Protein backbone atom coordinates (compact mmCIF):
# COMPACT_ATOMS: atom_id res chain seq x y z
CA MET A 1 5.43 -23.18 21.93
CA LEU A 2 6.81 -22.17 18.53
CA ASP A 3 4.79 -24.90 16.80
CA GLU A 4 1.59 -23.65 18.42
CA ILE A 5 2.31 -20.04 17.46
CA ASN A 6 3.13 -21.00 13.87
CA ILE A 7 0.01 -23.13 13.47
CA ARG A 8 -2.27 -20.46 14.92
CA HIS A 9 -0.75 -17.76 12.76
CA GLN A 10 -0.99 -19.88 9.63
CA VAL A 11 -4.69 -20.44 10.26
CA ALA A 12 -5.31 -16.76 11.08
CA TYR A 13 -3.47 -15.34 8.09
CA ASP A 14 -4.91 -17.89 5.67
CA GLU A 15 -8.35 -16.77 6.82
CA ILE A 16 -7.74 -13.02 6.44
CA ALA A 17 -5.33 -13.06 3.48
CA GLU A 18 -7.66 -11.49 0.92
CA ARG A 19 -8.89 -8.80 3.32
CA PHE A 20 -5.32 -8.16 4.51
CA ALA A 21 -4.19 -7.58 0.94
CA GLU A 22 -7.00 -5.06 0.40
CA ILE A 23 -6.30 -3.09 3.59
CA ASN A 24 -2.52 -3.12 3.15
CA ALA A 25 -2.35 -2.35 -0.55
CA GLU A 26 0.05 0.62 -0.33
CA MET A 27 3.37 1.15 1.42
CA PRO A 28 2.70 3.28 4.55
CA ALA A 29 4.04 6.82 4.40
CA GLY A 30 6.15 6.16 7.49
CA TYR A 31 8.06 3.43 5.63
CA LEU A 32 9.08 5.53 2.65
CA VAL A 33 12.15 7.19 4.18
CA PRO A 34 13.43 3.94 5.78
CA ALA A 35 12.85 2.21 2.43
CA GLN A 36 14.90 4.84 0.59
CA GLU A 37 17.70 4.50 3.15
CA PHE A 38 17.56 0.70 2.92
CA GLY A 39 17.76 0.85 -0.86
CA LYS A 40 20.87 3.01 -0.70
CA LEU A 41 22.61 0.74 1.83
CA ALA A 42 21.70 -2.59 0.25
CA GLU A 43 24.12 -3.36 -2.58
CA ALA A 44 22.93 -4.76 -5.89
CA GLY A 45 21.79 -8.29 -5.24
CA PRO A 46 18.78 -10.19 -3.95
CA ILE A 47 16.62 -8.92 -1.09
CA LEU A 48 14.68 -11.20 1.25
CA ASP A 49 11.26 -9.95 2.34
CA LEU A 50 11.00 -11.84 5.62
CA GLY A 51 7.33 -12.32 6.43
CA CYS A 52 6.27 -10.96 3.06
CA GLY A 53 2.54 -11.23 3.68
CA ALA A 54 0.47 -10.28 0.64
CA GLY A 55 3.46 -9.02 -1.32
CA ARG A 56 3.01 -5.26 -0.95
CA ASP A 57 6.65 -4.55 -0.08
CA MET A 58 7.93 -7.15 -2.55
CA ALA A 59 6.14 -5.23 -5.30
CA TYR A 60 7.69 -1.99 -4.05
CA TRP A 61 11.20 -3.40 -4.47
CA ALA A 62 10.47 -5.21 -7.72
CA ASP A 63 9.09 -1.96 -9.20
CA ARG A 64 12.48 -0.40 -8.42
CA GLY A 65 14.37 -3.05 -10.28
CA ARG A 66 15.47 -5.09 -7.27
CA ARG A 67 15.51 -8.88 -7.16
CA VAL A 68 13.38 -9.93 -4.21
CA VAL A 69 12.41 -13.25 -2.61
CA GLY A 70 9.45 -13.49 -0.26
CA LEU A 71 9.06 -15.87 2.67
CA ASP A 72 5.92 -16.39 4.74
CA LEU A 73 4.24 -19.09 6.82
CA SER A 74 0.80 -18.56 5.33
CA LEU A 75 -0.08 -20.16 1.99
CA GLY A 76 -3.01 -17.77 1.74
CA MET A 77 -0.67 -14.81 2.00
CA LEU A 78 1.77 -16.35 -0.48
CA ARG A 79 -1.05 -16.76 -3.00
CA GLN A 80 -1.85 -13.06 -2.64
CA ALA A 81 1.83 -12.20 -3.07
CA ALA A 82 2.11 -14.39 -6.16
CA ALA A 83 -0.87 -12.65 -7.75
CA ARG A 84 0.56 -9.22 -7.03
CA CYS A 85 4.27 -9.56 -7.59
CA GLY A 86 5.38 -12.58 -9.61
CA GLN A 87 8.68 -12.83 -7.71
CA PRO A 88 10.10 -16.02 -6.10
CA LEU A 89 8.30 -17.16 -2.95
CA ALA A 90 8.93 -19.72 -0.23
CA GLN A 91 6.90 -21.02 2.66
CA GLY A 92 8.97 -21.17 5.81
CA ASP A 93 9.72 -20.33 9.42
CA MET A 94 11.81 -17.31 10.43
CA CYS A 95 13.65 -19.41 13.00
CA GLY A 96 15.08 -21.71 10.31
CA LEU A 97 15.45 -19.94 6.98
CA PRO A 98 15.58 -22.25 3.92
CA PHE A 99 18.39 -20.33 2.24
CA ARG A 100 22.14 -20.79 2.01
CA ALA A 101 24.53 -18.55 3.91
CA GLY A 102 25.40 -15.13 2.52
CA VAL A 103 22.94 -15.17 -0.36
CA PHE A 104 21.17 -11.83 0.31
CA THR A 105 22.42 -8.25 0.27
CA GLY A 106 19.38 -7.05 2.23
CA VAL A 107 16.67 -8.43 4.51
CA TRP A 108 13.43 -6.44 4.84
CA CYS A 109 11.61 -7.58 8.01
CA SER A 110 8.43 -5.54 8.25
CA ALA A 111 5.95 -6.33 11.04
CA SER A 112 6.87 -10.02 11.18
CA LEU A 113 9.38 -10.46 14.03
CA LEU A 114 6.74 -8.99 16.34
CA HIS A 115 4.66 -12.17 15.97
CA LEU A 116 7.19 -14.24 17.93
CA PRO A 117 8.02 -14.23 21.65
CA LYS A 118 10.94 -11.99 22.49
CA ALA A 119 12.91 -15.03 23.64
CA LEU A 120 13.02 -16.22 20.00
CA ALA A 121 14.10 -12.89 18.50
CA PRO A 122 17.85 -13.70 18.87
CA VAL A 123 17.29 -16.97 16.97
CA VAL A 124 15.65 -15.12 14.07
CA LEU A 125 18.31 -12.40 13.98
CA ALA A 126 21.08 -15.02 13.98
CA GLU A 127 19.40 -16.62 10.95
CA VAL A 128 19.14 -13.21 9.28
CA ALA A 129 22.85 -12.63 9.90
CA ARG A 130 23.61 -16.05 8.43
CA VAL A 131 21.80 -15.46 5.14
CA LEU A 132 23.11 -11.90 4.75
CA ARG A 133 26.43 -11.16 3.12
CA PRO A 134 28.91 -9.26 5.33
CA GLY A 135 27.96 -5.62 4.97
CA GLY A 136 24.38 -6.57 4.09
CA VAL A 137 21.59 -4.46 5.52
CA LEU A 138 18.59 -5.36 7.68
CA MET A 139 15.46 -3.27 8.14
CA VAL A 140 13.28 -4.39 11.02
CA ALA A 141 9.95 -2.72 11.87
CA LEU A 142 8.28 -3.41 15.21
CA LYS A 143 5.42 -2.02 17.25
CA GLU A 144 6.59 0.23 20.06
CA GLY A 145 5.58 -0.62 23.61
CA GLY A 146 6.06 -3.36 26.15
CA GLY A 147 4.93 -6.90 26.85
CA GLU A 148 3.83 -9.75 24.64
CA GLY A 149 0.89 -12.11 24.26
CA TRP A 150 -2.14 -13.13 22.23
CA GLU A 151 -4.49 -10.36 21.14
CA ASP A 152 -8.04 -10.70 19.84
CA GLU A 153 -9.11 -8.57 16.88
CA SER A 154 -12.61 -8.27 15.48
CA PHE A 155 -12.15 -5.98 12.44
CA TRP A 156 -11.06 -8.61 9.90
CA ASN A 157 -14.62 -9.74 9.10
CA ALA A 158 -13.65 -13.28 10.10
CA PRO A 159 -16.12 -15.48 12.02
CA GLY A 160 -15.27 -15.14 15.69
CA GLY A 161 -12.53 -12.60 14.97
CA VAL A 162 -8.79 -13.27 14.68
CA THR A 163 -6.21 -13.89 17.39
CA ARG A 164 -2.53 -13.10 16.79
CA PHE A 165 0.56 -13.00 18.98
CA PHE A 166 2.29 -9.64 19.38
CA ALA A 167 5.51 -8.59 21.08
CA ARG A 168 6.07 -4.85 21.53
CA TYR A 169 9.51 -3.31 21.94
CA ALA A 170 11.35 -0.27 23.22
CA SER A 171 14.04 1.11 20.93
CA THR A 172 16.73 0.16 23.45
CA GLU A 173 15.55 -3.46 23.36
CA VAL A 174 15.91 -3.56 19.59
CA ASP A 175 19.40 -2.07 19.78
CA ALA A 176 20.43 -4.70 22.32
CA LEU A 177 19.13 -7.52 20.11
CA LEU A 178 20.87 -6.22 17.02
CA ALA A 179 24.20 -5.70 18.80
CA ALA A 180 25.15 -9.38 18.54
CA ASP A 181 25.73 -9.30 14.77
CA PHE A 182 24.83 -5.84 13.50
CA ASP A 183 25.79 -2.19 13.68
CA THR A 184 22.70 0.00 13.85
CA ARG A 185 22.85 2.91 11.41
CA VAL A 186 19.45 4.60 11.61
CA GLN A 187 16.55 4.45 14.06
CA ARG A 188 13.20 6.05 13.35
CA ARG A 189 9.81 6.21 15.01
CA TYR A 190 6.52 6.99 13.34
CA THR A 191 2.82 6.85 14.16
CA SER A 192 0.43 5.23 11.71
CA GLU A 193 -2.87 6.72 10.57
CA ILE A 194 -4.67 4.61 13.20
CA GLY A 195 -2.37 5.78 15.99
CA THR A 196 0.00 2.79 16.27
CA ALA A 197 3.58 3.72 17.15
CA TRP A 198 6.22 1.90 15.07
CA LEU A 199 9.99 1.61 15.35
CA THR A 200 12.19 1.05 12.30
CA HIS A 201 15.85 0.15 12.67
CA LEU A 202 18.36 -0.09 9.83
CA ALA A 203 21.44 -2.15 10.68
CA VAL A 204 24.43 -3.49 8.78
CA ARG A 205 25.81 -6.99 9.29
CA ARG A 206 29.32 -6.89 10.61
CA PRO A 207 32.04 -8.73 8.64
């Protein structure tokens, strides 16, 4: 199932990469406070933008003097990120990160974990814990709600629309997932300009 999801998402994001970069050019207002908190918790050292997309958040951290590495499945998205940011990039799968243990002081996981079935979330978070130094910080942003499955979208100006997999979470579900390797420090909820409810959780990797 993971192979199918990865292939379908690669195709979808390659197709919409340019449009995605245009629509998501600026950091959402609801992310600014979590980003400030993340920056304070994450010690000096490299940050991994996990599911970096078109490089918007990578540019945010690079502009603040942080070393940042971006990882994404989509080559189309990585090309957009390269044009915007000029920071190191890697193509890869969240379930098997191509990095050595303990290399990052922070992992920024914005709207990427939600593209996998909930059953795979513990695998991803275990990989995040592996590549984080003890005391390293994770920010994970997810859509609030329940259920999971493929959703059709027509607003990307792509022939036939775009289909992506989404899993939506309650805050208690996120806390339970993080509890295996992390101590949650801050939880926030915000509603985007188009009415989507988002959850952001900041958590620190236990020694």
